Amino acid sequence: MLELQGIAKRYGRGDWVLRDVDLTLSAGVATTIAGHNGAGKSTLLRIIAGVARPSRGRIVGRPRIGYLPDRFPAAGRMTATEYLRHMAAIRGVSTAGVGQLLDRLWVLGAPAARMGELSKGNTQKVGLAQAFLAKPELLVLDEPCSGLDASSRSTVAELITEARSNGAAVVCTDHVIDRFDGGSLGYQLIDGKLSRQESTVDISPVVLIRLAPASSAGVVDVSAASAFTDLPGVRVDRGAADDVRLLVPMEGRDALLRNALRAGWSVLEVREVGG
């Protein structure tokens, strides 16, 4: 359906954002791209969607594409319904599915509210609706579940599954849709290079937490933090001799921080490092 051959990208004379990326997107297959913030995931998806040009490389195939960018533009005087009907007309498809998509994604207030007045969650839903509207052959979704509640995330997963069953290829960067059923591929983008994961794995956000005992003087024994390192999903990251660095699943971040503070540890750093 679409093949990327040796794709590379940089802006001006800056560092290479993407380096010799090879990727094949096939009908009915979901492809997830994991990587930390700033790794180049959005740049890669913009190139796949055809809204950005690579600095080097070749793209083979011209499928009909539905694209949700990482920042969906919501400004404007149109209501969500008017906007989607407008997009349907531009793409030459029936407007019959507009109301169904809005109802299914549960876009509250969409018939009356202008695009610029919608909440972040509803704006995201309208962006998703326009991506699915024309029944594309390739869905390019940049963090489609950003700002959505659990129910809406489930609806998005259902829409993706249905699109795949109708033969669409899907490529997405998302920390929430971390698993698909059979026929899915996972990739990791590190230092601009794309590497295949052996299986589709959980790419939920990971947080780096750097701790130090309040009374620390000199080298810190990692075993002293066993109360934290024994928690599910927590891994010890390499660090300096005077602190302990832990990689923690996002859902376990708050509990670990509470436990650390109660135990008298100092929190030196907390930051998301990807999946």
Protein backbone atom coordinates (compact mmCIF):
# COMPACT_ATOMS: atom_id res chain seq x y z
CA MET A 1 0.00 0.00 0.00
CA LEU A 2 2.70 2.50 1.01
CA GLU A 3 6.43 1.96 1.27
CA LEU A 4 9.09 4.28 2.67
CA GLN A 5 12.60 3.69 1.37
CA GLY A 6 15.61 5.35 2.98
CA ILE A 7 13.64 8.31 4.32
CA ALA A 8 15.72 10.99 6.03
CA LYS A 9 14.69 14.43 7.28
CA ARG A 10 16.33 17.45 8.79
CA TYR A 11 15.38 21.09 9.05
CA GLY A 12 17.90 23.49 7.56
CA ARG A 13 21.40 22.65 8.71
CA GLY A 14 20.22 21.08 11.95
CA ASP A 15 20.60 17.51 13.14
CA TRP A 16 18.91 14.71 11.24
CA VAL A 17 15.47 14.05 12.73
CA LEU A 18 15.01 10.86 10.70
CA ARG A 19 17.80 8.66 9.38
CA ASP A 20 17.33 6.09 6.59
CA VAL A 21 13.85 4.97 7.65
CA ASP A 22 12.43 1.96 5.80
CA LEU A 23 8.79 1.10 6.50
CA THR A 24 6.04 -0.81 4.71
CA LEU A 25 2.38 -0.15 5.54
CA SER A 26 0.08 -2.95 4.40
CA ALA A 27 -3.68 -3.35 4.07
CA GLY A 28 -5.39 -4.44 7.27
CA VAL A 29 -2.26 -4.03 9.39
CA ALA A 30 -1.90 -1.64 12.34
CA THR A 31 1.56 -0.19 12.86
CA THR A 32 2.48 1.61 16.07
CA ILE A 33 5.47 3.94 16.34
CA ALA A 34 6.86 4.38 19.85
CA GLY A 35 9.50 6.83 21.01
CA HIS A 36 10.13 9.61 23.49
CA ASN A 37 8.87 13.15 22.98
CA GLY A 38 10.92 14.81 20.27
CA ALA A 39 12.07 11.52 18.75
CA GLY A 40 10.63 12.45 15.35
CA LYS A 41 7.37 10.48 15.42
CA SER A 42 5.21 13.41 14.29
CA THR A 43 7.69 14.29 11.56
CA LEU A 44 7.55 10.72 10.28
CA LEU A 45 3.75 10.73 10.25
CA ARG A 46 3.64 14.07 8.43
CA ILE A 47 5.85 12.58 5.73
CA ILE A 48 3.66 9.47 5.50
CA ALA A 49 0.55 11.68 5.24
CA GLY A 50 2.14 13.73 2.47
CA VAL A 51 2.08 17.08 4.28
CA ALA A 52 5.88 17.21 4.65
CA ARG A 53 8.62 16.24 2.24
CA PRO A 54 11.61 14.14 3.20
CA SER A 55 15.09 15.54 2.73
CA ARG A 56 16.12 12.24 1.19
CA GLY A 57 14.51 8.95 0.26
CA ARG A 58 11.60 7.59 -1.75
CA ILE A 59 7.91 6.96 -1.07
CA VAL A 60 6.11 4.34 -3.16
CA GLY A 61 2.30 4.20 -3.31
CA ARG A 62 -0.55 6.71 -3.30
CA PRO A 63 -3.37 5.42 -1.10
CA ARG A 64 -6.31 7.58 -0.05
CA ILE A 65 -5.26 8.96 3.34
CA GLY A 66 -7.09 10.08 6.47
CA TYR A 67 -4.78 12.13 8.68
CA LEU A 68 -5.04 13.35 12.27
CA PRO A 69 -2.11 15.68 13.07
CA ASP A 70 -0.66 16.04 16.54
CA ARG A 71 -2.22 19.50 16.79
CA PHE A 72 -5.60 19.58 15.09
CA PRO A 73 -6.53 23.19 14.13
CA ALA A 74 -9.78 24.06 15.86
CA ALA A 75 -10.09 27.80 15.23
CA GLY A 76 -12.96 28.97 13.07
CA ARG A 77 -16.59 30.03 13.01
CA MET A 78 -17.95 26.74 11.66
CA THR A 79 -19.65 24.29 13.96
CA ALA A 80 -18.27 20.77 14.06
CA THR A 81 -21.12 19.55 11.85
CA GLU A 82 -20.57 22.33 9.31
CA TYR A 83 -16.84 21.68 9.27
CA LEU A 84 -17.23 17.95 8.66
CA ARG A 85 -19.81 18.50 5.91
CA HIS A 86 -17.38 20.96 4.33
CA MET A 87 -14.56 18.39 4.50
CA ALA A 88 -16.85 15.72 3.03
CA ALA A 89 -17.67 18.00 0.10
CA ILE A 90 -13.98 18.73 -0.52
CA ARG A 91 -13.20 15.01 -0.54
CA GLY A 92 -16.18 14.15 -2.71
CA VAL A 93 -17.86 11.83 -0.21
CA SER A 94 -21.37 11.70 1.20
CA THR A 95 -22.21 13.76 4.26
CA ALA A 96 -24.49 10.99 5.50
CA GLY A 97 -21.89 9.65 7.91
CA VAL A 98 -21.15 12.97 9.63
CA GLY A 99 -23.88 12.75 12.25
CA GLN A 100 -23.17 9.08 12.89
CA LEU A 101 -19.48 9.74 13.54
CA LEU A 102 -20.22 12.65 15.86
CA ASP A 103 -22.78 10.60 17.76
CA ARG A 104 -20.49 7.62 18.00
CA LEU A 105 -17.59 9.72 19.27
CA TRP A 106 -20.05 11.51 21.56
CA VAL A 107 -19.08 15.06 20.60
CA LEU A 108 -21.09 17.06 23.12
CA GLY A 109 -22.56 20.32 21.87
CA ALA A 110 -21.19 19.79 18.37
CA PRO A 111 -24.31 20.88 16.42
CA ALA A 112 -24.32 24.35 18.02
CA ALA A 113 -20.79 25.09 19.26
CA ARG A 114 -18.25 26.70 16.97
CA MET A 115 -14.98 24.88 16.44
CA GLY A 116 -13.03 27.48 18.38
CA GLU A 117 -15.31 27.01 21.40
CA LEU A 118 -14.99 23.24 21.73
CA SER A 119 -13.14 21.60 24.61
CA LYS A 120 -9.83 19.87 23.96
CA GLY A 121 -11.50 16.46 24.05
CA ASN A 122 -14.27 17.43 21.63
CA THR A 123 -11.77 19.10 19.32
CA GLN A 124 -9.81 15.85 19.22
CA LYS A 125 -12.98 13.92 18.43
CA VAL A 126 -13.78 16.22 15.50
CA GLY A 127 -10.24 15.71 14.25
CA LEU A 128 -10.73 11.97 14.45
CA ALA A 129 -14.08 12.20 12.67
CA GLN A 130 -12.54 14.05 9.71
CA ALA A 131 -9.77 11.43 9.49
CA PHE A 132 -12.27 8.55 9.30
CA LEU A 133 -14.85 10.42 7.22
CA ALA A 134 -13.81 9.39 3.71
CA LYS A 135 -13.20 5.73 4.61
CA PRO A 136 -9.48 6.07 3.79
CA GLU A 137 -7.21 3.28 2.65
CA LEU A 138 -4.52 4.50 5.05
CA LEU A 139 -5.19 6.08 8.45
CA VAL A 140 -2.35 8.20 9.81
CA LEU A 141 -3.15 9.05 13.43
CA ASP A 142 -0.82 11.10 15.62
CA GLU A 143 -1.72 10.31 19.25
CA PRO A 144 -5.42 9.84 18.44
CA CYS A 145 -6.45 9.37 22.06
CA SER A 146 -4.84 12.52 23.41
CA GLY A 147 -7.29 14.26 25.76
CA LEU A 148 -9.92 11.50 25.55
CA ASP A 149 -11.59 9.64 28.39
CA ALA A 150 -11.60 5.85 28.69
CA SER A 151 -14.94 5.42 26.92
CA SER A 152 -13.85 7.54 23.96
CA ARG A 153 -10.55 5.66 23.75
CA SER A 154 -12.50 2.43 23.45
CA THR A 155 -14.58 3.92 20.65
CA VAL A 156 -11.43 4.96 18.79
CA ALA A 157 -10.05 1.44 19.14
CA GLU A 158 -13.31 0.06 17.71
CA LEU A 159 -13.18 2.46 14.76
CA ILE A 160 -9.60 1.43 14.03
CA THR A 161 -10.49 -2.26 14.20
CA GLU A 162 -13.42 -1.73 11.81
CA ALA A 163 -11.26 0.23 9.38
CA ARG A 164 -8.70 -2.57 9.37
CA SER A 165 -11.38 -5.19 8.78
CA ASN A 166 -12.38 -3.18 5.69
CA GLY A 167 -8.80 -3.31 4.42
CA ALA A 168 -7.36 -0.05 5.70
CA ALA A 169 -3.78 0.22 6.88
CA VAL A 170 -3.26 2.13 10.13
CA VAL A 171 -0.16 3.83 11.47
CA CYS A 172 -0.35 5.55 14.79
CA THR A 173 1.74 7.05 17.55
CA ASP A 174 -0.20 6.73 20.74
CA HIS A 175 0.53 5.90 24.34
CA VAL A 176 -2.99 4.65 25.00
CA ILE A 177 -3.69 2.30 22.10
CA ASP A 178 -0.83 0.03 23.03
CA ARG A 179 -2.22 -3.26 21.76
CA PHE A 180 -4.13 -4.42 18.73
CA ASP A 181 -5.43 -7.83 17.87
CA GLY A 182 -3.63 -10.01 15.33
CA GLY A 183 -1.86 -8.41 12.40
CA SER A 184 -0.16 -5.55 14.22
CA LEU A 185 3.44 -4.36 14.11
CA GLY A 186 5.43 -2.33 16.60
CA TYR A 187 8.40 -0.07 15.94
CA GLN A 188 10.65 2.09 18.10
CA LEU A 189 12.10 5.39 16.88
CA ILE A 190 15.43 6.15 18.56
CA ASP A 191 17.99 8.73 17.39
CA GLY A 192 16.11 9.07 14.12
CA LYS A 193 16.31 5.36 13.29
CA LEU A 194 13.35 3.01 13.18
CA SER A 195 13.74 -0.49 14.61
CA ARG A 196 11.24 -3.32 14.63
CA GLN A 197 9.98 -4.67 17.94
CA GLU A 198 9.65 -8.43 18.05
CA SER A 199 6.04 -8.16 19.14
CA THR A 200 3.49 -5.47 19.78
CA VAL A 201 4.32 -4.36 23.28
CA ASP A 202 2.94 -1.99 25.81
CA ILE A 203 4.11 1.49 24.85
CA SER A 204 2.44 3.32 27.71
CA PRO A 205 4.34 6.42 28.82
CA VAL A 206 7.39 5.83 30.99
CA VAL A 207 8.57 8.35 33.56
CA LEU A 208 12.12 8.81 34.81
CA ILE A 209 12.15 9.56 38.55
CA ARG A 210 15.44 10.50 40.18
CA LEU A 211 15.59 10.13 43.97
CA ALA A 212 18.12 10.66 46.73
CA PRO A 213 17.87 9.85 50.44
CA ALA A 214 17.40 13.03 52.47
CA SER A 215 20.48 12.22 54.56
CA SER A 216 22.63 10.91 51.69
CA ALA A 217 26.35 11.61 51.73
CA GLY A 218 28.34 9.91 48.99
CA VAL A 219 27.44 6.73 47.14
CA VAL A 220 23.82 5.57 47.36
CA ASP A 221 23.17 1.83 47.54
CA VAL A 222 20.37 1.01 45.08
CA SER A 223 19.18 -1.73 47.44
CA ALA A 224 18.15 1.03 49.84
CA ALA A 225 15.38 1.85 47.37
CA SER A 226 14.07 -1.71 47.23
CA ALA A 227 10.70 -0.52 48.54
CA PHE A 228 10.30 1.27 45.21
CA THR A 229 12.22 -0.99 42.83
CA ASP A 230 10.09 -3.97 43.84
CA LEU A 231 6.91 -2.27 42.59
CA PRO A 232 5.33 -3.67 39.36
CA GLY A 233 6.89 -2.32 36.19
CA VAL A 234 9.63 -0.31 37.92
CA ARG A 235 13.14 -0.62 36.50
CA VAL A 236 16.44 0.80 37.73
CA ASP A 237 18.11 3.12 35.23
CA ARG A 238 21.80 3.86 35.24
CA GLY A 239 22.60 7.05 37.12
CA ALA A 240 25.11 8.93 39.18
CA ALA A 241 26.57 7.45 42.34
CA ASP A 242 24.69 9.86 44.58
CA ASP A 243 21.15 9.18 43.39
CA VAL A 244 18.77 6.42 42.29
CA ARG A 245 17.09 6.62 38.90
CA LEU A 246 13.92 4.66 38.27
CA LEU A 247 11.90 4.08 35.09
CA VAL A 248 8.27 3.95 36.13
CA PRO A 249 5.05 3.32 34.14
CA MET A 250 2.99 6.52 34.03
CA GLU A 251 0.14 4.92 35.94
CA GLY A 252 2.50 4.13 38.83
CA ARG A 253 4.15 7.55 39.00
CA ASP A 254 1.99 9.19 41.67
CA ALA A 255 2.01 6.20 44.01
CA LEU A 256 5.79 5.89 43.82
CA LEU A 257 6.30 9.60 44.49
CA ARG A 258 3.99 9.47 47.51
CA ASN A 259 5.84 6.48 48.92
CA ALA A 260 9.23 8.10 48.33
CA LEU A 261 8.28 11.34 50.06
CA ARG A 262 6.76 9.50 53.01
CA ALA A 263 9.99 7.51 53.36
CA GLY A 264 12.03 10.71 53.50
CA TRP A 265 13.55 10.59 50.02
CA SER A 266 14.18 13.76 48.01
CA VAL A 267 12.72 13.92 44.51
CA LEU A 268 15.36 15.40 42.21
CA GLU A 269 13.72 14.95 38.82
CA VAL A 270 10.51 13.70 37.21
CA ARG A 271 10.14 13.62 33.42
CA GLU A 272 8.49 11.54 30.72
CA VAL A 273 10.98 9.65 28.59
CA GLY A 274 8.64 7.78 26.23
CA GLY A 275 7.43 4.23 25.97
